[in-house]
Amino acid sequence: MKLSVIIPMYNEKAIVADCAASLVKELEADSLANSYEYEIVFSDDGSTDGCGDCVREYVRANPPMNGVVRVIAAPENEGKGGAVRRGMLSAEGDYIMFTDCDLAYGTEIIPHMFRAAVEVSEKDDKCAVMIGSRAIHKDGYAGYTFIRKLASKVFKKLLCTAAGFRHSDSQSGIKIFRHDAAKAIFPLCTVNGWAFDFEALMIAEKLGYTIREYPVKVINHRESKINLMRDTFKMIRDVKEIKKRVDAM
């Protein structure tokens, strides 16, 4: 069994070495204890700050024992959706997860969510996608101000209504796909911007895969790059267009 972890990044030089070190520490210990291999794929979205070189330097100085850390790079910045898609298509694992460079949900959640995804998939072959959900974790929104928590929930509700979803937290930044599902879904994806999650999940449902949720909690808080007033209406429009295209597949 092999786990791939995709880290999309754009100009993350300030944190990427710590991200690599934290991931390797967690996955080295867990993979050796539980007999699986891993790879970490940093998908560089046309960065200009040399963050890809930071990862390579870290690996040269600290070669992992039971896994591989590598960098793939786009020639220019396209957006998070493009970076995730390239990582997914490049990954070799039996299960392929993506999360953000700031490791917002921590590292312990990665092997836990991996094992949960394997367990549900072995019981039901159609359960090939699992998404993290802050809404079903009792402390999922700990550290959020009341206004940010309310705005986040309204934002997600509007978008899920536009997409026709019943998922409680489709926009969480941690998701895992079984290999065959990832390789079927992501070649059909085209969205490079913030709505890429919705496109991937809509295609997953269109292809007949079942999506499960797993409780997650934000550990590391970083200011969101989404402007709720500006981006909500744009994303609703984008999601409706994606839904129309996916429905026509």
C-alpha atoms as a PDB file:
ATOM      1  CA  MET A   1       0.000   0.000   0.000  1.00  0.00           C
ATOM      2  CA  LYS A   2       1.220   3.478  -0.848  1.00  0.00           C
ATOM      3  CA  LEU A   3      -0.054   6.914   0.198  1.00  0.00           C
ATOM      4  CA  SER A   4       0.558  10.043  -1.859  1.00  0.00           C
ATOM      5  CA  VAL A   5       0.214  13.481  -0.254  1.00  0.00           C
ATOM      6  CA  ILE A   6      -0.079  16.445  -2.632  1.00  0.00           C
ATOM      7  CA  ILE A   7       0.931  19.906  -1.413  1.00  0.00           C
ATOM      8  CA  PRO A   8      -0.005  22.703  -3.836  1.00  0.00           C
ATOM      9  CA  MET A   9       2.198  25.741  -3.308  1.00  0.00           C
ATOM     10  CA  TYR A  10       2.739  29.213  -4.658  1.00  0.00           C
ATOM     11  CA  ASN A  11       5.490  31.399  -3.168  1.00  0.00           C
ATOM     12  CA  GLU A  12       5.596  29.502   0.137  1.00  0.00           C
ATOM     13  CA  LYS A  13       9.341  29.842   0.777  1.00  0.00           C
ATOM     14  CA  ALA A  14       8.764  31.078   4.323  1.00  0.00           C
ATOM     15  CA  ILE A  15       7.035  27.865   5.442  1.00  0.00           C
ATOM     16  CA  VAL A  16       7.765  25.105   2.940  1.00  0.00           C
ATOM     17  CA  ALA A  17      10.856  23.625   4.636  1.00  0.00           C
ATOM     18  CA  ASP A  18       8.941  23.337   7.926  1.00  0.00           C
ATOM     19  CA  CYS A  19       6.028  21.787   6.021  1.00  0.00           C
ATOM     20  CA  ALA A  20       8.307  19.160   4.459  1.00  0.00           C
ATOM     21  CA  ALA A  21       9.983  18.401   7.795  1.00  0.00           C
ATOM     22  CA  SER A  22       6.651  18.004   9.599  1.00  0.00           C
ATOM     23  CA  LEU A  23       5.188  15.744   6.923  1.00  0.00           C
ATOM     24  CA  VAL A  24       8.276  13.533   6.707  1.00  0.00           C
ATOM     25  CA  LYS A  25       8.449  13.193  10.490  1.00  0.00           C
ATOM     26  CA  GLU A  26       4.804  12.133  10.702  1.00  0.00           C
ATOM     27  CA  LEU A  27       4.789   9.792   7.710  1.00  0.00           C
ATOM     28  CA  GLU A  28       8.161   8.179   8.381  1.00  0.00           C
ATOM     29  CA  ALA A  29       7.054   7.071  11.848  1.00  0.00           C
ATOM     30  CA  ASP A  30       3.546   6.042  10.852  1.00  0.00           C
ATOM     31  CA  SER A  31       4.450   4.275   7.595  1.00  0.00           C
ATOM     32  CA  LEU A  32       7.193   2.234   9.263  1.00  0.00           C
ATOM     33  CA  ALA A  33       4.857   1.286  12.122  1.00  0.00           C
ATOM     34  CA  ASN A  34       1.991   0.349   9.811  1.00  0.00           C
ATOM     35  CA  SER A  35       3.844  -1.102   6.813  1.00  0.00           C
ATOM     36  CA  TYR A  36       3.057   1.215   3.916  1.00  0.00           C
ATOM     37  CA  GLU A  37       5.088   3.478   1.661  1.00  0.00           C
ATOM     38  CA  TYR A  38       4.482   7.146   1.013  1.00  0.00           C
ATOM     39  CA  GLU A  39       5.348   9.954  -1.335  1.00  0.00           C
ATOM     40  CA  ILE A  40       4.983  13.694  -0.829  1.00  0.00           C
ATOM     41  CA  VAL A  41       4.522  15.690  -4.024  1.00  0.00           C
ATOM     42  CA  PHE A  42       4.988  19.450  -3.818  1.00  0.00           C
ATOM     43  CA  SER A  43       3.130  20.884  -6.796  1.00  0.00           C
ATOM     44  CA  ASP A  44       4.748  24.257  -7.477  1.00  0.00           C
ATOM     45  CA  ASP A  45       2.301  26.573  -9.218  1.00  0.00           C
ATOM     46  CA  GLY A  46       4.822  28.782 -11.008  1.00  0.00           C
ATOM     47  CA  SER A  47       6.378  30.222  -7.845  1.00  0.00           C
ATOM     48  CA  THR A  48       8.925  33.017  -8.149  1.00  0.00           C
ATOM     49  CA  ASP A  49      10.459  32.792  -4.659  1.00  0.00           C
ATOM     50  CA  GLY A  50      12.425  29.550  -5.041  1.00  0.00           C
ATOM     51  CA  CYS A  51      10.223  27.479  -2.735  1.00  0.00           C
ATOM     52  CA  GLY A  52      10.747  24.419  -4.938  1.00  0.00           C
ATOM     53  CA  ASP A  53      14.500  24.678  -4.386  1.00  0.00           C
ATOM     54  CA  CYS A  54      13.859  24.890  -0.634  1.00  0.00           C
ATOM     55  CA  VAL A  55      12.123  21.498  -0.767  1.00  0.00           C
ATOM     56  CA  ARG A  56      14.932  19.963  -2.834  1.00  0.00           C
ATOM     57  CA  GLU A  57      17.565  21.307  -0.424  1.00  0.00           C
ATOM     58  CA  TYR A  58      15.660  19.896   2.539  1.00  0.00           C
ATOM     59  CA  VAL A  59      15.465  16.449   0.918  1.00  0.00           C
ATOM     60  CA  ARG A  60      19.166  16.445   0.046  1.00  0.00           C
ATOM     61  CA  ALA A  61      20.022  17.216   3.659  1.00  0.00           C
ATOM     62  CA  ASN A  62      17.368  14.916   5.154  1.00  0.00           C
ATOM     63  CA  PRO A  63      16.673  11.978   2.814  1.00  0.00           C
ATOM     64  CA  PRO A  64      13.619  10.024   4.009  1.00  0.00           C
ATOM     65  CA  MET A  65      13.964   6.306   4.739  1.00  0.00           C
ATOM     66  CA  ASN A  66      10.560   4.926   3.794  1.00  0.00           C
ATOM     67  CA  GLY A  67       9.235   7.462   1.319  1.00  0.00           C
ATOM     68  CA  VAL A  68       9.939   9.892  -1.486  1.00  0.00           C
ATOM     69  CA  VAL A  69       9.650  13.677  -1.525  1.00  0.00           C
ATOM     70  CA  ARG A  70       9.582  15.331  -4.929  1.00  0.00           C
ATOM     71  CA  VAL A  71       8.697  18.589  -6.637  1.00  0.00           C
ATOM     72  CA  ILE A  72       6.747  19.071  -9.844  1.00  0.00           C
ATOM     73  CA  ALA A  73       6.504  22.564 -11.288  1.00  0.00           C
ATOM     74  CA  ALA A  74       4.289  24.509 -13.668  1.00  0.00           C
ATOM     75  CA  PRO A  75       5.996  27.117 -15.874  1.00  0.00           C
ATOM     76  CA  GLU A  76       3.591  29.830 -14.720  1.00  0.00           C
ATOM     77  CA  ASN A  77       0.991  30.494 -12.068  1.00  0.00           C
ATOM     78  CA  GLU A  78      -2.441  29.040 -12.918  1.00  0.00           C
ATOM     79  CA  GLY A  79      -4.211  28.665  -9.591  1.00  0.00           C
ATOM     80  CA  LYS A  80      -4.649  26.126  -6.813  1.00  0.00           C
ATOM     81  CA  GLY A  81      -6.942  23.929  -8.882  1.00  0.00           C
ATOM     82  CA  GLY A  82      -4.286  23.515 -11.547  1.00  0.00           C
ATOM     83  CA  ALA A  83      -1.612  22.714  -8.956  1.00  0.00           C
ATOM     84  CA  VAL A  84      -3.792  20.088  -7.258  1.00  0.00           C
ATOM     85  CA  ARG A  85      -4.742  18.545 -10.596  1.00  0.00           C
ATOM     86  CA  ARG A  86      -1.105  18.226 -11.709  1.00  0.00           C
ATOM     87  CA  GLY A  87      -0.235  16.631  -8.385  1.00  0.00           C
ATOM     88  CA  MET A  88      -3.117  14.180  -8.577  1.00  0.00           C
ATOM     89  CA  LEU A  89      -2.216  13.112 -12.103  1.00  0.00           C
ATOM     90  CA  SER A  90       1.464  12.750 -11.154  1.00  0.00           C
ATOM     91  CA  ALA A  91       0.842  10.754  -7.956  1.00  0.00           C
ATOM     92  CA  GLU A  92       1.488   7.024  -7.796  1.00  0.00           C
ATOM     93  CA  GLY A  93      -0.163   6.092  -4.493  1.00  0.00           C
ATOM     94  CA  ASP A  94      -3.044   3.698  -3.936  1.00  0.00           C
ATOM     95  CA  TYR A  95      -4.659   6.628  -2.115  1.00  0.00           C
ATOM     96  CA  ILE A  96      -3.965  10.253  -2.974  1.00  0.00           C
ATOM     97  CA  MET A  97      -4.585  13.085  -0.524  1.00  0.00           C
ATOM     98  CA  PHE A  98      -4.148  16.824  -0.847  1.00  0.00           C
ATOM     99  CA  THR A  99      -3.802  19.436   1.849  1.00  0.00           C
ATOM    100  CA  ASP A 100      -2.299  22.917   2.071  1.00  0.00           C
ATOM    101  CA  CYS A 101       1.289  23.968   2.675  1.00  0.00           C
ATOM    102  CA  ASP A 102       0.390  25.588   5.993  1.00  0.00           C
ATOM    103  CA  LEU A 103      -0.845  22.177   7.225  1.00  0.00           C
ATOM    104  CA  ALA A 104      -3.971  23.836   8.566  1.00  0.00           C
ATOM    105  CA  TYR A 105      -5.337  20.528   9.869  1.00  0.00           C
ATOM    106  CA  GLY A 106      -2.028  19.335  11.309  1.00  0.00           C
ATOM    107  CA  THR A 107      -0.150  16.182  10.315  1.00  0.00           C
ATOM    108  CA  GLU A 108      -1.673  13.555  12.618  1.00  0.00           C
ATOM    109  CA  ILE A 109      -4.928  13.746  10.672  1.00  0.00           C
ATOM    110  CA  ILE A 110      -3.205  12.473   7.510  1.00  0.00           C
ATOM    111  CA  PRO A 111      -2.602   8.827   8.533  1.00  0.00           C
ATOM    112  CA  HIS A 112      -5.892   8.739  10.441  1.00  0.00           C
ATOM    113  CA  MET A 113      -7.879   9.895   7.425  1.00  0.00           C
ATOM    114  CA  PHE A 114      -5.892   7.561   5.154  1.00  0.00           C
ATOM    115  CA  ARG A 115      -6.818   4.524   7.256  1.00  0.00           C
ATOM    116  CA  ALA A 116     -10.449   5.615   7.454  1.00  0.00           C
ATOM    117  CA  ALA A 117     -10.592   5.979   3.659  1.00  0.00           C
ATOM    118  CA  VAL A 118      -9.109   2.511   3.171  1.00  0.00           C
ATOM    119  CA  GLU A 119     -11.549   0.991   5.667  1.00  0.00           C
ATOM    120  CA  VAL A 120     -14.706   2.440   4.088  1.00  0.00           C
ATOM    121  CA  SER A 121     -13.484   1.643   0.572  1.00  0.00           C
ATOM    122  CA  GLU A 122     -12.854  -1.995   1.470  1.00  0.00           C
ATOM    123  CA  LYS A 123     -16.424  -2.259   2.764  1.00  0.00           C
ATOM    124  CA  ASP A 124     -17.976  -0.476  -0.237  1.00  0.00           C
ATOM    125  CA  ASP A 125     -16.121  -0.220  -3.535  1.00  0.00           C
ATOM    126  CA  LYS A 126     -18.039   2.942  -4.483  1.00  0.00           C
ATOM    127  CA  CYS A 127     -16.730   4.830  -1.404  1.00  0.00           C
ATOM    128  CA  ALA A 128     -13.619   6.162  -3.120  1.00  0.00           C
ATOM    129  CA  VAL A 129     -13.597   9.810  -1.984  1.00  0.00           C
ATOM    130  CA  MET A 130     -13.361  11.220   1.540  1.00  0.00           C
ATOM    131  CA  ILE A 131     -13.463  14.906   2.444  1.00  0.00           C
ATOM    132  CA  GLY A 132     -12.521  16.550   5.717  1.00  0.00           C
ATOM    133  CA  SER A 133     -15.345  18.335   7.506  1.00  0.00           C
ATOM    134  CA  ARG A 134     -15.025  20.979  10.190  1.00  0.00           C
ATOM    135  CA  ALA A 135     -18.793  20.945  10.603  1.00  0.00           C
ATOM    136  CA  ILE A 136     -18.916  17.421  12.040  1.00  0.00           C
ATOM    137  CA  HIS A 137     -15.969  17.878  14.447  1.00  0.00           C
ATOM    138  CA  LYS A 138     -16.972  19.223  17.851  1.00  0.00           C
ATOM    139  CA  ASP A 139     -14.009  21.638  17.778  1.00  0.00           C
ATOM    140  CA  GLY A 140     -13.889  22.075  14.020  1.00  0.00           C
ATOM    141  CA  TYR A 141     -14.181  25.853  14.179  1.00  0.00           C
ATOM    142  CA  ALA A 142     -12.168  26.437  17.350  1.00  0.00           C
ATOM    143  CA  GLY A 143     -10.170  29.636  17.025  1.00  0.00           C
ATOM    144  CA  TYR A 144     -12.561  31.231  14.530  1.00  0.00           C
ATOM    145  CA  THR A 145     -14.182  34.515  15.507  1.00  0.00           C
ATOM    146  CA  PHE A 146     -17.988  34.437  15.580  1.00  0.00           C
ATOM    147  CA  ILE A 147     -18.198  36.601  12.446  1.00  0.00           C
ATOM    148  CA  ARG A 148     -15.682  34.482  10.512  1.00  0.00           C
ATOM    149  CA  LYS A 149     -17.415  31.267  11.584  1.00  0.00           C
ATOM    150  CA  LEU A 150     -20.833  32.588  10.546  1.00  0.00           C
ATOM    151  CA  ALA A 151     -19.522  33.958   7.249  1.00  0.00           C
ATOM    152  CA  SER A 152     -17.764  30.677   6.459  1.00  0.00           C
ATOM    153  CA  LYS A 153     -20.900  28.633   7.091  1.00  0.00           C
ATOM    154  CA  VAL A 154     -23.107  30.943   5.014  1.00  0.00           C
ATOM    155  CA  PHE A 155     -20.520  30.933   2.220  1.00  0.00           C
ATOM    156  CA  LYS A 156     -20.419  27.131   2.127  1.00  0.00           C
ATOM    157  CA  LYS A 157     -24.199  26.820   2.338  1.00  0.00           C
ATOM    158  CA  LEU A 158     -24.720  29.114  -0.643  1.00  0.00           C
ATOM    159  CA  LEU A 159     -22.135  27.287  -2.719  1.00  0.00           C
ATOM    160  CA  CYS A 160     -23.431  23.828  -1.830  1.00  0.00           C
ATOM    161  CA  THR A 161     -26.960  24.923  -2.717  1.00  0.00           C
ATOM    162  CA  ALA A 162     -25.703  26.143  -6.095  1.00  0.00           C
ATOM    163  CA  ALA A 163     -23.871  22.847  -6.639  1.00  0.00           C
ATOM    164  CA  GLY A 164     -26.722  20.660  -5.413  1.00  0.00           C
ATOM    165  CA  PHE A 165     -24.547  19.180  -2.644  1.00  0.00           C
ATOM    166  CA  ARG A 166     -25.550  17.904   0.780  1.00  0.00           C
ATOM    167  CA  HIS A 167     -21.965  17.750   2.068  1.00  0.00           C
ATOM    168  CA  SER A 168     -21.353  19.705   5.255  1.00  0.00           C
ATOM    169  CA  ASP A 169     -17.934  21.141   4.330  1.00  0.00           C
ATOM    170  CA  SER A 170     -17.095  20.689   0.657  1.00  0.00           C
ATOM    171  CA  GLN A 171     -14.520  23.502   0.815  1.00  0.00           C
ATOM    172  CA  SER A 172     -12.266  22.069   3.508  1.00  0.00           C
ATOM    173  CA  GLY A 173      -8.649  21.928   2.379  1.00  0.00           C
ATOM    174  CA  ILE A 174      -8.067  18.215   2.958  1.00  0.00           C
ATOM    175  CA  LYS A 175      -9.456  15.455   0.751  1.00  0.00           C
ATOM    176  CA  ILE A 176      -8.416  11.921  -0.180  1.00  0.00           C
ATOM    177  CA  PHE A 177      -9.184   9.874  -3.300  1.00  0.00           C
ATOM    178  CA  ARG A 178      -8.597   6.227  -4.070  1.00  0.00           C
ATOM    179  CA  HIS A 179      -6.141   5.871  -6.972  1.00  0.00           C
ATOM    180  CA  ASP A 180      -8.661   4.719  -9.575  1.00  0.00           C
ATOM    181  CA  ALA A 181     -11.092   7.490  -8.648  1.00  0.00           C
ATOM    182  CA  ALA A 182      -8.413  10.185  -8.793  1.00  0.00           C
ATOM    183  CA  LYS A 183      -7.242   8.994 -12.200  1.00  0.00           C
ATOM    184  CA  ALA A 184     -10.822   8.971 -13.499  1.00  0.00           C
ATOM    185  CA  ILE A 185     -11.895  12.313 -12.012  1.00  0.00           C
ATOM    186  CA  PHE A 186      -8.982  14.704 -12.444  1.00  0.00           C
ATOM    187  CA  PRO A 187      -8.381  14.291 -16.201  1.00  0.00           C
ATOM    188  CA  LEU A 188     -11.932  15.651 -16.596  1.00  0.00           C
ATOM    189  CA  CYS A 189     -11.264  18.688 -14.388  1.00  0.00           C
ATOM    190  CA  THR A 190     -10.542  22.061 -15.968  1.00  0.00           C
ATOM    191  CA  VAL A 191     -11.042  24.640 -13.204  1.00  0.00           C
ATOM    192  CA  ASN A 192      -7.867  26.293 -11.907  1.00  0.00           C
ATOM    193  CA  GLY A 193      -9.473  28.686  -9.421  1.00  0.00           C
ATOM    194  CA  TRP A 194     -11.196  28.349  -6.035  1.00  0.00           C
ATOM    195  CA  ALA A 195     -14.144  26.343  -7.410  1.00  0.00           C
ATOM    196  CA  PHE A 196     -11.934  23.384  -8.338  1.00  0.00           C
ATOM    197  CA  ASP A 197     -13.130  21.380  -5.284  1.00  0.00           C
ATOM    198  CA  PHE A 198     -16.712  21.565  -6.460  1.00  0.00           C
ATOM    199  CA  GLU A 199     -15.794  20.464  -9.960  1.00  0.00           C
ATOM    200  CA  ALA A 200     -13.891  17.415  -8.689  1.00  0.00           C
ATOM    201  CA  LEU A 201     -16.712  16.408  -6.322  1.00  0.00           C
ATOM    202  CA  MET A 202     -19.413  16.949  -8.953  1.00  0.00           C
ATOM    203  CA  ILE A 203     -17.491  14.761 -11.389  1.00  0.00           C
ATOM    204  CA  ALA A 204     -16.973  12.140  -8.668  1.00  0.00           C
ATOM    205  CA  GLU A 205     -20.731  11.936  -8.090  1.00  0.00           C
ATOM    206  CA  LYS A 206     -21.409  11.933 -11.825  1.00  0.00           C
ATOM    207  CA  LEU A 207     -19.092   8.928 -12.184  1.00  0.00           C
ATOM    208  CA  GLY A 208     -20.966   7.108  -9.425  1.00  0.00           C
ATOM    209  CA  TYR A 209     -18.478   7.416  -6.566  1.00  0.00           C
ATOM    210  CA  THR A 210     -19.753   7.846  -3.010  1.00  0.00           C
ATOM    211  CA  ILE A 211     -18.284  10.728  -1.001  1.00  0.00           C
ATOM    212  CA  ARG A 212     -17.788  10.278   2.744  1.00  0.00           C
ATOM    213  CA  GLU A 213     -16.906  12.917   5.335  1.00  0.00           C
ATOM    214  CA  TYR A 214     -14.323  12.741   8.111  1.00  0.00           C
ATOM    215  CA  PRO A 215     -14.218  15.125  11.120  1.00  0.00           C
ATOM    216  CA  VAL A 216     -11.292  17.573  11.027  1.00  0.00           C
ATOM    217  CA  LYS A 217     -10.198  20.533  13.112  1.00  0.00           C
ATOM    218  CA  VAL A 218      -8.181  23.555  12.029  1.00  0.00           C
ATOM    219  CA  ILE A 219      -4.896  23.535  13.966  1.00  0.00           C
ATOM    220  CA  ASN A 220      -2.926  26.238  12.186  1.00  0.00           C
ATOM    221  CA  HIS A 221      -4.873  29.371  11.375  1.00  0.00           C
ATOM    222  CA  ARG A 222      -3.828  31.547   8.461  1.00  0.00           C
ATOM    223  CA  GLU A 223      -5.762  34.444   6.976  1.00  0.00           C
ATOM    224  CA  SER A 224      -8.036  33.233   4.199  1.00  0.00           C
ATOM    225  CA  LYS A 225      -7.214  34.411   0.694  1.00  0.00           C
ATOM    226  CA  ILE A 226     -10.920  34.389  -0.201  1.00  0.00           C
ATOM    227  CA  ASN A 227     -12.756  37.725  -0.118  1.00  0.00           C
ATOM    228  CA  LEU A 228     -16.227  36.626   0.962  1.00  0.00           C
ATOM    229  CA  MET A 229     -18.093  39.607  -0.511  1.00  0.00           C
ATOM    230  CA  ARG A 230     -16.242  39.604  -3.824  1.00  0.00           C
ATOM    231  CA  ASP A 231     -15.647  35.894  -4.343  1.00  0.00           C
ATOM    232  CA  THR A 232     -18.959  34.372  -3.158  1.00  0.00           C
ATOM    233  CA  PHE A 233     -21.031  35.579  -6.104  1.00  0.00           C
ATOM    234  CA  LYS A 234     -18.285  34.782  -8.591  1.00  0.00           C
ATOM    235  CA  MET A 235     -17.985  31.264  -7.189  1.00  0.00           C
ATOM    236  CA  ILE A 236     -21.758  30.725  -7.251  1.00  0.00           C
ATOM    237  CA  ARG A 237     -21.715  31.699 -10.915  1.00  0.00           C
ATOM    238  CA  ASP A 238     -18.733  29.429 -11.587  1.00  0.00           C
ATOM    239  CA  VAL A 239     -20.311  26.512  -9.707  1.00  0.00           C
ATOM    240  CA  LYS A 240     -23.537  26.802 -11.712  1.00  0.00           C
ATOM    241  CA  GLU A 241     -21.534  26.735 -14.944  1.00  0.00           C
ATOM    242  CA  ILE A 242     -19.544  23.710 -13.747  1.00  0.00           C
ATOM    243  CA  LYS A 243     -22.754  21.908 -12.748  1.00  0.00           C
ATOM    244  CA  LYS A 244     -24.238  22.542 -16.160  1.00  0.00           C
ATOM    245  CA  ARG A 245     -21.135  21.156 -17.890  1.00  0.00           C
ATOM    246  CA  VAL A 246     -20.859  18.110 -15.608  1.00  0.00           C
ATOM    247  CA  ASP A 247     -24.569  17.314 -15.956  1.00  0.00           C
ATOM    248  CA  ALA A 248     -24.048  17.248 -19.730  1.00  0.00           C
ATOM    249  CA  MET A 249     -21.211  14.671 -19.526  1.00  0.00           C
END
